[in-house]
PDB file of N, CA and C in Angstrom:
ATOM      1  N   THR A   1      93.528  14.101  20.555  1.00  0.00           N
ATOM      2  CA  THR A   1      93.690  14.275  22.097  1.00  0.00           C
ATOM      3  C   THR A   1      93.680  15.520  22.130  1.00  0.00           C
ATOM      4  N   GLY A   2      92.433  16.091  23.491  1.00  0.00           N
ATOM      5  CA  GLY A   2      92.364  17.603  24.337  1.00  0.00           C
ATOM      6  C   GLY A   2      90.948  18.247  23.841  1.00  0.00           C
ATOM      7  N   ALA A   3      90.900  18.809  24.816  1.00  0.00           N
ATOM      8  CA  ALA A   3      88.861  19.065  24.837  1.00  0.00           C
ATOM      9  C   ALA A   3      89.261  20.319  23.352  1.00  0.00           C
ATOM     10  N   LEU A   4      88.011  20.618  21.717  1.00  0.00           N
ATOM     11  CA  LEU A   4      87.894  21.161  21.292  1.00  0.00           C
ATOM     12  C   LEU A   4      86.356  22.357  21.427  1.00  0.00           C
ATOM     13  N   GLY A   5      86.721  23.013  20.962  1.00  0.00           N
ATOM     14  CA  GLY A   5      85.656  24.022  20.984  1.00  0.00           C
ATOM     15  C   GLY A   5      85.632  25.229  19.848  1.00  0.00           C
ATOM     16  N   GLY A   6      84.473  26.011  20.218  1.00  0.00           N
ATOM     17  CA  GLY A   6      84.744  27.402  19.727  1.00  0.00           C
ATOM     18  C   GLY A   6      84.912  27.667  18.132  1.00  0.00           C
ATOM     19  N   ILE A   7      83.851  26.731  17.599  1.00  0.00           N
ATOM     20  CA  ILE A   7      83.600  26.106  16.194  1.00  0.00           C
ATOM     21  C   ILE A   7      82.945  27.622  15.736  1.00  0.00           C
ATOM     22  N   ASP A   8      83.183  27.884  14.344  1.00  0.00           N
ATOM     23  CA  ASP A   8      83.100  29.156  13.619  1.00  0.00           C
ATOM     24  C   ASP A   8      83.350  28.761  12.114  1.00  0.00           C
ATOM     25  N   PHE A   9      81.994  28.978  11.341  1.00  0.00           N
ATOM     26  CA  PHE A   9      82.819  29.933  10.230  1.00  0.00           C
ATOM     27  C   PHE A   9      82.349  30.977   9.232  1.00  0.00           C
ATOM     28  N   SER A  10      84.146  31.057   8.475  1.00  0.00           N
ATOM     29  CA  SER A  10      84.008  32.560   8.202  1.00  0.00           C
ATOM     30  C   SER A  10      82.714  32.825   6.987  1.00  0.00           C
ATOM     31  N   SER A  11      82.743  33.671   6.929  1.00  0.00           N
ATOM     32  CA  SER A  11      80.711  34.675   5.879  1.00  0.00           C
ATOM     33  C   SER A  11      81.576  34.089   4.403  1.00  0.00           C
ATOM     34  N   ASP A  12      82.379  33.731   4.473  1.00  0.00           N
ATOM     35  CA  ASP A  12      82.446  33.080   3.161  1.00  0.00           C
ATOM     36  C   ASP A  12      82.882  31.648   2.871  1.00  0.00           C
ATOM     37  N   GLY A  13      82.936  30.963   3.939  1.00  0.00           N
ATOM     38  CA  GLY A  13      82.212  29.423   4.412  1.00  0.00           C
ATOM     39  C   GLY A  13      83.972  28.968   4.046  1.00  0.00           C
ATOM     40  N   LYS A  14      85.141  29.430   3.638  1.00  0.00           N
ATOM     41  CA  LYS A  14      85.538  28.710   3.340  1.00  0.00           C
ATOM     42  C   LYS A  14      86.909  28.356   4.021  1.00  0.00           C
ATOM     43  N   ARG A  15      86.786  29.269   5.765  1.00  0.00           N
ATOM     44  CA  ARG A  15      87.771  28.785   6.650  1.00  0.00           C
ATOM     45  C   ARG A  15      86.571  28.632   7.565  1.00  0.00           C
ATOM     46  N   VAL A  16      87.470  27.595   9.029  1.00  0.00           N
ATOM     47  CA  VAL A  16      86.518  27.429   9.992  1.00  0.00           C
ATOM     48  C   VAL A  16      87.862  27.286  11.166  1.00  0.00           C
ATOM     49  N   LEU A  17      87.526  28.224  12.283  1.00  0.00           N
ATOM     50  CA  LEU A  17      87.909  28.582  13.871  1.00  0.00           C
ATOM     51  C   LEU A  17      87.191  27.653  14.542  1.00  0.00           C
ATOM     52  N   PHE A  18      88.859  27.472  15.936  1.00  0.00           N
ATOM     53  CA  PHE A  18      88.516  26.045  16.603  1.00  0.00           C
ATOM     54  C   PHE A  18      89.418  26.342  17.233  1.00  0.00           C
ATOM     55  N   THR A  19      89.167  25.820  18.534  1.00  0.00           N
ATOM     56  CA  THR A  19      89.583  25.489  19.557  1.00  0.00           C
ATOM     57  C   THR A  19      90.594  24.361  20.354  1.00  0.00           C
ATOM     58  N   GLN A  20      91.344  24.534  20.768  1.00  0.00           N
ATOM     59  CA  GLN A  20      92.135  23.193  20.801  1.00  0.00           C
ATOM     60  C   GLN A  20      92.981  22.806  22.202  1.00  0.00           C
ATOM     61  N   ASP A  21      92.885  22.357  23.097  1.00  0.00           N
ATOM     62  CA  ASP A  21      94.032  22.115  24.204  1.00  0.00           C
ATOM     63  C   ASP A  21      95.194  21.773  24.204  1.00  0.00           C
ATOM     64  N   VAL A  22      96.208  21.768  23.475  1.00  0.00           N
ATOM     65  CA  VAL A  22      96.636  21.347  22.732  1.00  0.00           C
ATOM     66  C   VAL A  22      97.853  20.698  24.110  1.00  0.00           C
ATOM     67  N   SER A  23      97.187  20.796  25.645  1.00  0.00           N
ATOM     68  CA  SER A  23      98.459  19.649  26.300  1.00  0.00           C
ATOM     69  C   SER A  23      97.819  17.758  26.557  1.00  0.00           C
ATOM     70  N   GLY A  24      96.939  18.124  25.350  1.00  0.00           N
ATOM     71  CA  GLY A  24      96.389  16.816  25.546  1.00  0.00           C
ATOM     72  C   GLY A  24      95.231  16.715  26.294  1.00  0.00           C
ATOM     73  N   GLU A  25      94.866  17.108  27.756  1.00  0.00           N
ATOM     74  CA  GLU A  25      93.954  17.511  28.215  1.00  0.00           C
ATOM     75  C   GLU A  25      92.732  16.644  27.775  1.00  0.00           C
ATOM     76  N   GLU A  26      92.222  15.756  28.615  1.00  0.00           N
ATOM     77  CA  GLU A  26      90.917  15.851  28.935  1.00  0.00           C
ATOM     78  C   GLU A  26      90.337  14.841  30.256  1.00  0.00           C
ATOM     79  N   ASN A  27      89.219  15.697  30.496  1.00  0.00           N
ATOM     80  CA  ASN A  27      88.442  15.251  32.087  1.00  0.00           C
ATOM     81  C   ASN A  27      87.459  15.285  32.319  1.00  0.00           C
ATOM     82  N   ILE A  28      87.004  15.294  33.197  1.00  0.00           N
ATOM     83  CA  ILE A  28      85.745  15.052  33.386  1.00  0.00           C
ATOM     84  C   ILE A  28      85.145  16.480  33.858  1.00  0.00           C
ATOM     85  N   GLN A  29      85.659  17.294  34.846  1.00  0.00           N
ATOM     86  CA  GLN A  29      85.665  18.802  34.806  1.00  0.00           C
ATOM     87  C   GLN A  29      85.583  19.573  33.554  1.00  0.00           C
ATOM     88  N   TYR A  30      86.592  18.670  33.103  1.00  0.00           N
ATOM     89  CA  TYR A  30      86.611  19.643  31.310  1.00  0.00           C
ATOM     90  C   TYR A  30      87.417  21.184  31.352  1.00  0.00           C
ATOM     91  N   ARG A  31      88.107  20.862  32.378  1.00  0.00           N
ATOM     92  CA  ARG A  31      89.192  22.218  33.106  1.00  0.00           C
ATOM     93  C   ARG A  31      90.366  21.735  31.029  1.00  0.00           C
ATOM     94  N   GLN A  32      90.901  23.275  30.821  1.00  0.00           N
ATOM     95  CA  GLN A  32      91.746  23.029  29.731  1.00  0.00           C
ATOM     96  C   GLN A  32      92.961  23.979  30.348  1.00  0.00           C
ATOM     97  N   LEU A  33      94.005  23.003  29.927  1.00  0.00           N
ATOM     98  CA  LEU A  33      95.341  23.811  30.657  1.00  0.00           C
ATOM     99  C   LEU A  33      95.574  24.602  29.042  1.00  0.00           C
ATOM    100  N   ASP A  34      96.169  24.764  28.260  1.00  0.00           N
ATOM    101  CA  ASP A  34      96.326  24.936  27.139  1.00  0.00           C
ATOM    102  C   ASP A  34      96.039  25.158  25.784  1.00  0.00           C
ATOM    103  N   THR A  35      94.604  26.100  26.291  1.00  0.00           N
ATOM    104  CA  THR A  35      94.047  26.013  24.841  1.00  0.00           C
ATOM    105  C   THR A  35      93.875  27.332  23.979  1.00  0.00           C
ATOM    106  N   ARG A  36      94.439  26.751  22.344  1.00  0.00           N
ATOM    107  CA  ARG A  36      94.722  27.323  21.748  1.00  0.00           C
ATOM    108  C   ARG A  36      93.847  27.657  20.455  1.00  0.00           C
ATOM    109  N   ILE A  37      93.570  28.790  19.525  1.00  0.00           N
ATOM    110  CA  ILE A  37      92.795  28.705  18.234  1.00  0.00           C
ATOM    111  C   ILE A  37      93.597  28.495  17.020  1.00  0.00           C
ATOM    112  N   PHE A  38      92.871  28.026  15.953  1.00  0.00           N
ATOM    113  CA  PHE A  38      93.123  27.393  15.399  1.00  0.00           C
ATOM    114  C   PHE A  38      92.262  27.384  14.329  1.00  0.00           C
ATOM    115  N   GLU A  39      92.809  27.746  12.877  1.00  0.00           N
ATOM    116  CA  GLU A  39      92.182  28.388  11.339  1.00  0.00           C
ATOM    117  C   GLU A  39      92.340  27.108  11.076  1.00  0.00           C
ATOM    118  N   TYR A  40      91.137  26.643  10.105  1.00  0.00           N
ATOM    119  CA  TYR A  40      91.049  25.251   9.247  1.00  0.00           C
ATOM    120  C   TYR A  40      91.034  25.998   7.472  1.00  0.00           C
ATOM    121  N   THR A  41      91.727  25.821   6.893  1.00  0.00           N
ATOM    122  CA  THR A  41      91.138  26.255   5.526  1.00  0.00           C
ATOM    123  C   THR A  41      90.987  25.288   4.550  1.00  0.00           C
ATOM    124  N   ILE A  42      89.972  24.943   4.194  1.00  0.00           N
ATOM    125  CA  ILE A  42      88.973  23.676   3.219  1.00  0.00           C
ATOM    126  C   ILE A  42      89.919  23.675   2.363  1.00  0.00           C
ATOM    127  N   ALA A  43      89.906  24.873   1.128  1.00  0.00           N
ATOM    128  CA  ALA A  43      90.334  24.176   0.051  1.00  0.00           C
ATOM    129  C   ALA A  43      91.381  23.695  -0.039  1.00  0.00           C
ATOM    130  N   SER A  44      92.775  24.207   0.657  1.00  0.00           N
ATOM    131  CA  SER A  44      93.715  23.581   0.906  1.00  0.00           C
ATOM    132  C   SER A  44      93.872  22.281   1.773  1.00  0.00           C
ATOM    133  N   SER A  45      93.282  22.086   2.897  1.00  0.00           N
ATOM    134  CA  SER A  45      93.077  21.634   4.355  1.00  0.00           C
ATOM    135  C   SER A  45      93.948  21.229   4.685  1.00  0.00           C
ATOM    136  N   SER A  46      94.378  22.717   5.334  1.00  0.00           N
ATOM    137  CA  SER A  46      95.466  23.091   5.995  1.00  0.00           C
ATOM    138  C   SER A  46      94.760  23.909   7.237  1.00  0.00           C
ATOM    139  N   THR A  47      96.027  23.504   8.346  1.00  0.00           N
ATOM    140  CA  THR A  47      95.087  24.399   9.702  1.00  0.00           C
ATOM    141  C   THR A  47      96.147  24.913   9.975  1.00  0.00           C
ATOM    142  N   MET A  48      96.275  26.291  10.878  1.00  0.00           N
ATOM    143  CA  MET A  48      97.090  26.605  11.481  1.00  0.00           C
ATOM    144  C   MET A  48      96.934  27.708  12.336  1.00  0.00           C
ATOM    145  N   GLU A  49      97.966  27.412  13.334  1.00  0.00           N
ATOM    146  CA  GLU A  49      97.157  28.141  14.216  1.00  0.00           C
ATOM    147  C   GLU A  49      97.914  29.705  14.348  1.00  0.00           C
ATOM    148  N   VAL A  50      96.489  30.526  15.011  1.00  0.00           N
ATOM    149  CA  VAL A  50      95.667  31.829  14.984  1.00  0.00           C
ATOM    150  C   VAL A  50      96.981  32.844  15.987  1.00  0.00           C
ATOM    151  N   ILE A  51      97.891  32.946  16.118  1.00  0.00           N
ATOM    152  CA  ILE A  51      98.459  33.713  17.264  1.00  0.00           C
ATOM    153  C   ILE A  51      98.328  34.649  18.600  1.00  0.00           C
ATOM    154  N   THR A  52      97.842  33.870  19.460  1.00  0.00           N
ATOM    155  CA  THR A  52      97.018  35.209  20.421  1.00  0.00           C
ATOM    156  C   THR A  52      97.669  36.505  21.449  1.00  0.00           C
ATOM    157  N   GLU A  53      99.041  35.750  21.461  1.00  0.00           N
ATOM    158  CA  GLU A  53      99.561  36.187  22.459  1.00  0.00           C
ATOM    159  C   GLU A  53      99.170  36.372  24.279  1.00  0.00           C
ATOM    160  N   LYS A  54      99.008  34.592  24.241  1.00  0.00           N
ATOM    161  CA  LYS A  54      97.604  34.949  25.726  1.00  0.00           C
ATOM    162  C   LYS A  54      98.967  33.771  26.879  1.00  0.00           C
ATOM    163  N   GLY A  55      99.738  33.995  26.483  1.00  0.00           N
ATOM    164  CA  GLY A  55     100.780  33.328  27.956  1.00  0.00           C
ATOM    165  C   GLY A  55     100.846  31.920  28.080  1.00  0.00           C
ATOM    166  N   GLU A  56     101.558  31.358  28.792  1.00  0.00           N
ATOM    167  CA  GLU A  56     101.904  30.361  29.859  1.00  0.00           C
ATOM    168  C   GLU A  56     100.732  30.600  30.986  1.00  0.00           C
ATOM    169  N   GLY A  57      99.998  29.547  30.350  1.00  0.00           N
ATOM    170  CA  GLY A  57      99.041  29.113  32.088  1.00  0.00           C
ATOM    171  C   GLY A  57      97.866  29.403  31.508  1.00  0.00           C
ATOM    172  N   TYR A  58      97.454  30.304  30.263  1.00  0.00           N
ATOM    173  CA  TYR A  58      96.245  30.902  29.779  1.00  0.00           C
ATOM    174  C   TYR A  58      96.223  30.033  28.761  1.00  0.00           C
ATOM    175  N   ASN A  59      94.067  30.188  29.130  1.00  0.00           N
ATOM    176  CA  ASN A  59      93.979  30.221  27.560  1.00  0.00           C
ATOM    177  C   ASN A  59      93.165  30.528  26.176  1.00  0.00           C
ATOM    178  N   ALA A  60      92.753  30.153  25.508  1.00  0.00           N
ATOM    179  CA  ALA A  60      92.135  31.219  24.303  1.00  0.00           C
ATOM    180  C   ALA A  60      91.159  30.165  24.051  1.00  0.00           C
ATOM    181  N   LEU A  61      89.546  30.925  23.955  1.00  0.00           N
ATOM    182  CA  LEU A  61      88.543  30.233  24.444  1.00  0.00           C
ATOM    183  C   LEU A  61      87.482  31.108  23.195  1.00  0.00           C
ATOM    184  N   ASP A  62      86.749  30.439  22.699  1.00  0.00           N
ATOM    185  CA  ASP A  62      85.318  31.211  22.321  1.00  0.00           C
ATOM    186  C   ASP A  62      85.623  31.943  20.537  1.00  0.00           C
ATOM    187  N   ALA A  63      86.176  31.505  20.111  1.00  0.00           N
ATOM    188  CA  ALA A  63      86.542  31.503  19.305  1.00  0.00           C
ATOM    189  C   ALA A  63      85.594  32.466  18.200  1.00  0.00           C
ATOM    190  N   LYS A  64      85.466  33.861  17.810  1.00  0.00           N
ATOM    191  CA  LYS A  64      84.310  33.775  16.438  1.00  0.00           C
ATOM    192  C   LYS A  64      85.351  34.878  16.048  1.00  0.00           C
ATOM    193  N   TYR A  65      84.965  34.651  14.406  1.00  0.00           N
ATOM    194  CA  TYR A  65      85.391  35.634  12.949  1.00  0.00           C
ATOM    195  C   TYR A  65      83.760  37.106  13.614  1.00  0.00           C
ATOM    196  N   SER A  66      84.168  38.458  13.285  1.00  0.00           N
ATOM    197  CA  SER A  66      83.463  39.449  13.294  1.00  0.00           C
ATOM    198  C   SER A  66      82.788  39.282  11.639  1.00  0.00           C
ATOM    199  N   PRO A  67      81.755  40.059  12.161  1.00  0.00           N
ATOM    200  CA  PRO A  67      80.747  39.636  10.827  1.00  0.00           C
ATOM    201  C   PRO A  67      81.432  40.007   9.298  1.00  0.00           C
ATOM    202  N   ASN A  68      82.497  41.152   9.294  1.00  0.00           N
ATOM    203  CA  ASN A  68      83.282  41.890   7.929  1.00  0.00           C
ATOM    204  C   ASN A  68      84.504  40.702   8.428  1.00  0.00           C
ATOM    205  N   GLY A  69      84.676  40.042   9.181  1.00  0.00           N
ATOM    206  CA  GLY A  69      85.718  38.509   8.334  1.00  0.00           C
ATOM    207  C   GLY A  69      87.505  39.235   8.551  1.00  0.00           C
ATOM    208  N   ALA A  70      87.383  40.708   9.163  1.00  0.00           N
ATOM    209  CA  ALA A  70      88.522  41.243   9.557  1.00  0.00           C
ATOM    210  C   ALA A  70      88.988  41.160  10.619  1.00  0.00           C
ATOM    211  N   PHE A  71      88.239  40.893  11.294  1.00  0.00           N
ATOM    212  CA  PHE A  71      88.814  40.578  13.242  1.00  0.00           C
ATOM    213  C   PHE A  71      88.614  38.669  13.335  1.00  0.00           C
ATOM    214  N   ILE A  72      89.104  38.992  14.577  1.00  0.00           N
ATOM    215  CA  ILE A  72      88.634  37.309  15.374  1.00  0.00           C
ATOM    216  C   ILE A  72      88.671  37.768  17.039  1.00  0.00           C
ATOM    217  N   VAL A  73      87.573  37.514  17.270  1.00  0.00           N
ATOM    218  CA  VAL A  73      87.473  37.559  18.508  1.00  0.00           C
ATOM    219  C   VAL A  73      87.454  36.098  19.465  1.00  0.00           C
ATOM    220  N   PHE A  74      88.039  36.569  21.017  1.00  0.00           N
ATOM    221  CA  PHE A  74      87.683  35.212  21.563  1.00  0.00           C
ATOM    222  C   PHE A  74      88.086  35.839  23.612  1.00  0.00           C
ATOM    223  N   THR A  75      88.203  35.007  24.167  1.00  0.00           N
ATOM    224  CA  THR A  75      87.558  35.276  24.929  1.00  0.00           C
ATOM    225  C   THR A  75      88.944  34.619  26.361  1.00  0.00           C
ATOM    226  N   HIS A  76      89.683  35.593  26.898  1.00  0.00           N
ATOM    227  CA  HIS A  76      91.151  35.250  27.062  1.00  0.00           C
ATOM    228  C   HIS A  76      91.309  34.684  28.560  1.00  0.00           C
ATOM    229  N   THR A  77      91.518  34.211  29.041  1.00  0.00           N
ATOM    230  CA  THR A  77      91.465  33.836  30.583  1.00  0.00           C
ATOM    231  C   THR A  77      92.728  32.766  31.413  1.00  0.00           C
ATOM    232  N   SER A  78      92.656  32.937  31.983  1.00  0.00           N
ATOM    233  CA  SER A  78      93.570  31.622  33.181  1.00  0.00           C
ATOM    234  C   SER A  78      93.558  30.831  33.035  1.00  0.00           C
ATOM    235  N   ASN A  79      93.974  29.589  33.490  1.00  0.00           N
ATOM    236  CA  ASN A  79      93.528  28.157  32.786  1.00  0.00           C
ATOM    237  C   ASN A  79      92.847  27.494  34.380  1.00  0.00           C
ATOM    238  N   ASP A  80      93.068  28.590  35.173  1.00  0.00           N
ATOM    239  CA  ASP A  80      92.309  28.163  36.954  1.00  0.00           C
ATOM    240  C   ASP A  80      90.850  27.970  36.596  1.00  0.00           C
ATOM    241  N   GLY A  81      90.574  28.140  35.300  1.00  0.00           N
ATOM    242  CA  GLY A  81      88.684  27.944  35.077  1.00  0.00           C
ATOM    243  C   GLY A  81      88.088  29.039  36.368  1.00  0.00           C
ATOM    244  N   VAL A  82      88.440  29.823  37.211  1.00  0.00           N
ATOM    245  CA  VAL A  82      88.005  31.185  38.211  1.00  0.00           C
ATOM    246  C   VAL A  82      88.716  32.501  38.375  1.00  0.00           C
ATOM    247  N   SER A  83      89.521  32.954  37.042  1.00  0.00           N
ATOM    248  CA  SER A  83      89.888  34.266  37.096  1.00  0.00           C
ATOM    249  C   SER A  83      89.137  34.868  36.143  1.00  0.00           C
ATOM    250  N   GLU A  84      89.683  36.472  36.035  1.00  0.00           N
ATOM    251  CA  GLU A  84      88.910  37.719  34.911  1.00  0.00           C
ATOM    252  C   GLU A  84      89.123  37.027  33.988  1.00  0.00           C
ATOM    253  N   LYS A  85      87.912  37.015  33.180  1.00  0.00           N
ATOM    254  CA  LYS A  85      88.060  37.019  31.719  1.00  0.00           C
ATOM    255  C   LYS A  85      88.364  37.972  30.849  1.00  0.00           C
ATOM    256  N   GLN A  86      88.282  37.710  30.233  1.00  0.00           N
ATOM    257  CA  GLN A  86      88.669  38.926  29.093  1.00  0.00           C
ATOM    258  C   GLN A  86      88.389  38.969  27.493  1.00  0.00           C
ATOM    259  N   ILE A  87      87.476  39.374  26.906  1.00  0.00           N
ATOM    260  CA  ILE A  87      87.549  39.765  25.579  1.00  0.00           C
ATOM    261  C   ILE A  87      88.158  40.230  24.598  1.00  0.00           C
ATOM    262  N   ARG A  88      89.208  39.411  24.219  1.00  0.00           N
ATOM    263  CA  ARG A  88      90.258  40.676  22.958  1.00  0.00           C
ATOM    264  C   ARG A  88      89.650  40.158  21.640  1.00  0.00           C
ATOM    265  N   CYS A  89      90.471  41.473  20.956  1.00  0.00           N
ATOM    266  CA  CYS A  89      89.653  40.878  19.256  1.00  0.00           C
ATOM    267  C   CYS A  89      91.610  40.820  18.546  1.00  0.00           C
ATOM    268  N   ILE A  90      91.246  39.961  18.039  1.00  0.00           N
ATOM    269  CA  ILE A  90      92.479  39.675  17.145  1.00  0.00           C
ATOM    270  C   ILE A  90      92.583  40.474  15.693  1.00  0.00           C
ATOM    271  N   ILE A  91      93.190  41.923  15.136  1.00  0.00           N
ATOM    272  CA  ILE A  91      93.658  42.644  14.145  1.00  0.00           C
ATOM    273  C   ILE A  91      93.529  41.179  13.156  1.00  0.00           C
ATOM    274  N   ARG A  92      93.324  41.391  12.128  1.00  0.00           N
ATOM    275  CA  ARG A  92      93.555  39.769  11.181  1.00  0.00           C
ATOM    276  C   ARG A  92      95.158  40.440  10.462  1.00  0.00           C
ATOM    277  N   GLU A  93      95.506  41.487  10.031  1.00  0.00           N
ATOM    278  CA  GLU A  93      96.469  42.710   8.905  1.00  0.00           C
ATOM    279  C   GLU A  93      96.417  43.380  10.078  1.00  0.00           C
ATOM    280  N   PRO A  94      97.082  43.699  11.187  1.00  0.00           N
ATOM    281  CA  PRO A  94      98.004  44.612  11.730  1.00  0.00           C
ATOM    282  C   PRO A  94      98.366  45.531  10.918  1.00  0.00           C
ATOM    283  N   GLU A  95      98.501  47.294  11.290  1.00  0.00           N
ATOM    284  CA  GLU A  95      99.439  48.068  10.384  1.00  0.00           C
ATOM    285  C   GLU A  95     100.449  48.568  11.242  1.00  0.00           C
ATOM    286  N   ASP A  96     101.477  49.457  10.948  1.00  0.00           N
ATOM    287  CA  ASP A  96     102.156  49.715  11.046  1.00  0.00           C
ATOM    288  C   ASP A  96     103.313  49.403  12.264  1.00  0.00           C
ATOM    289  N   ASN A  97     103.500  47.784  12.159  1.00  0.00           N
ATOM    290  CA  ASN A  97     103.583  46.532  12.838  1.00  0.00           C
ATOM    291  C   ASN A  97     103.224  47.041  14.800  1.00  0.00           C
ATOM    292  N   GLN A  98     101.986  47.242  14.985  1.00  0.00           N
ATOM    293  CA  GLN A  98     101.553  47.386  16.188  1.00  0.00           C
ATOM    294  C   GLN A  98     101.229  46.088  16.845  1.00  0.00           C
ATOM    295  N   SER A  99     100.863  45.751  18.139  1.00  0.00           N
ATOM    296  CA  SER A  99     100.387  44.940  18.348  1.00  0.00           C
ATOM    297  C   SER A  99      98.940  44.436  17.430  1.00  0.00           C
ATOM    298  N   ASN A 100      98.801  42.778  17.653  1.00  0.00           N
ATOM    299  CA  ASN A 100      97.870  42.494  16.805  1.00  0.00           C
ATOM    300  C   ASN A 100      96.781  42.109  17.205  1.00  0.00           C
ATOM    301  N   PHE A 101      96.492  42.539  18.631  1.00  0.00           N
ATOM    302  CA  PHE A 101      94.990  42.452  19.372  1.00  0.00           C
ATOM    303  C   PHE A 101      94.748  43.692  19.966  1.00  0.00           C
ATOM    304  N   LYS A 102      93.353  43.780  20.936  1.00  0.00           N
ATOM    305  CA  LYS A 102      93.205  44.696  21.621  1.00  0.00           C
ATOM    306  C   LYS A 102      92.506  43.757  22.127  1.00  0.00           C
ATOM    307  N   ILE A 103      92.336  44.671  23.978  1.00  0.00           N
ATOM    308  CA  ILE A 103      91.735  43.930  25.069  1.00  0.00           C
ATOM    309  C   ILE A 103      90.074  44.798  24.780  1.00  0.00           C
ATOM    310  N   LEU A 104      88.895  44.382  24.560  1.00  0.00           N
ATOM    311  CA  LEU A 104      87.977  44.661  24.116  1.00  0.00           C
ATOM    312  C   LEU A 104      87.048  44.994  25.769  1.00  0.00           C
ATOM    313  N   PHE A 105      87.581  44.218  26.409  1.00  0.00           N
ATOM    314  CA  PHE A 105      86.324  44.129  27.909  1.00  0.00           C
ATOM    315  C   PHE A 105      87.185  43.426  28.602  1.00  0.00           C
ATOM    316  N   THR A 106      86.469  43.394  30.307  1.00  0.00           N
ATOM    317  CA  THR A 106      87.516  42.518  30.956  1.00  0.00           C
ATOM    318  C   THR A 106      86.597  42.240  32.000  1.00  0.00           C
ATOM    319  N   ASN A 107      86.050  41.272  32.817  1.00  0.00           N
ATOM    320  CA  ASN A 107      85.216  40.733  33.680  1.00  0.00           C
ATOM    321  C   ASN A 107      84.170  40.543  32.866  1.00  0.00           C
ATOM    322  N   ALA A 108      84.284  39.918  31.186  1.00  0.00           N
ATOM    323  CA  ALA A 108      82.981  39.918  30.118  1.00  0.00           C
ATOM    324  C   ALA A 108      82.966  38.445  29.960  1.00  0.00           C
ATOM    325  N   GLU A 109      81.843  37.897  29.526  1.00  0.00           N
ATOM    326  CA  GLU A 109      81.832  36.543  29.161  1.00  0.00           C
ATOM    327  C   GLU A 109      81.544  37.284  27.787  1.00  0.00           C
ATOM    328  N   MET A 110      81.676  36.125  26.458  1.00  0.00           N
ATOM    329  CA  MET A 110      81.680  36.561  25.146  1.00  0.00           C
ATOM    330  C   MET A 110      80.680  36.741  24.293  1.00  0.00           C
ATOM    331  N   CYS A 111      80.888  37.653  22.919  1.00  0.00           N
ATOM    332  CA  CYS A 111      79.320  37.568  22.964  1.00  0.00           C
ATOM    333  C   CYS A 111      78.880  36.953  21.353  1.00  0.00           C
ATOM    334  N   ASN A 112      77.581  37.169  21.024  1.00  0.00           N
ATOM    335  CA  ASN A 112      77.104  36.817  20.266  1.00  0.00           C
ATOM    336  C   ASN A 112      76.899  37.388  19.109  1.00  0.00           C
ATOM    337  N   TRP A 113      77.616  37.721  18.256  1.00  0.00           N
ATOM    338  CA  TRP A 113      77.647  38.285  16.822  1.00  0.00           C
ATOM    339  C   TRP A 113      75.719  37.922  15.917  1.00  0.00           C
ATOM    340  N   GLU A 114      75.252  38.519  15.604  1.00  0.00           N
ATOM    341  CA  GLU A 114      74.162  37.553  14.600  1.00  0.00           C
ATOM    342  C   GLU A 114      74.101  38.465  13.102  1.00  0.00           C
TER     343      GLU A 114
END
């Protein structure tokens, strides 16, 4: 249950990113209440949540792998559907115990890397 989206394959084809509203909400307005990012590993058939530090009342949407696979980029926004959107970048292996994400853009829509 819950809205699904943000499907993206890793460059090596071994993993898949997707988003899911874990609240289970499904409505005709497509409002999402608690959408999180997950990574599915094909070889092991395992799924794990990607930690986004999104906070209660926010959604992590439109997840994409960077072309080199080192980062995951996603949209962070309130679940009200009208608030400012931020494009954030998750550093897959942070160094020196620093925060694992950076805000790339505010008031922005998701980019499309080709």
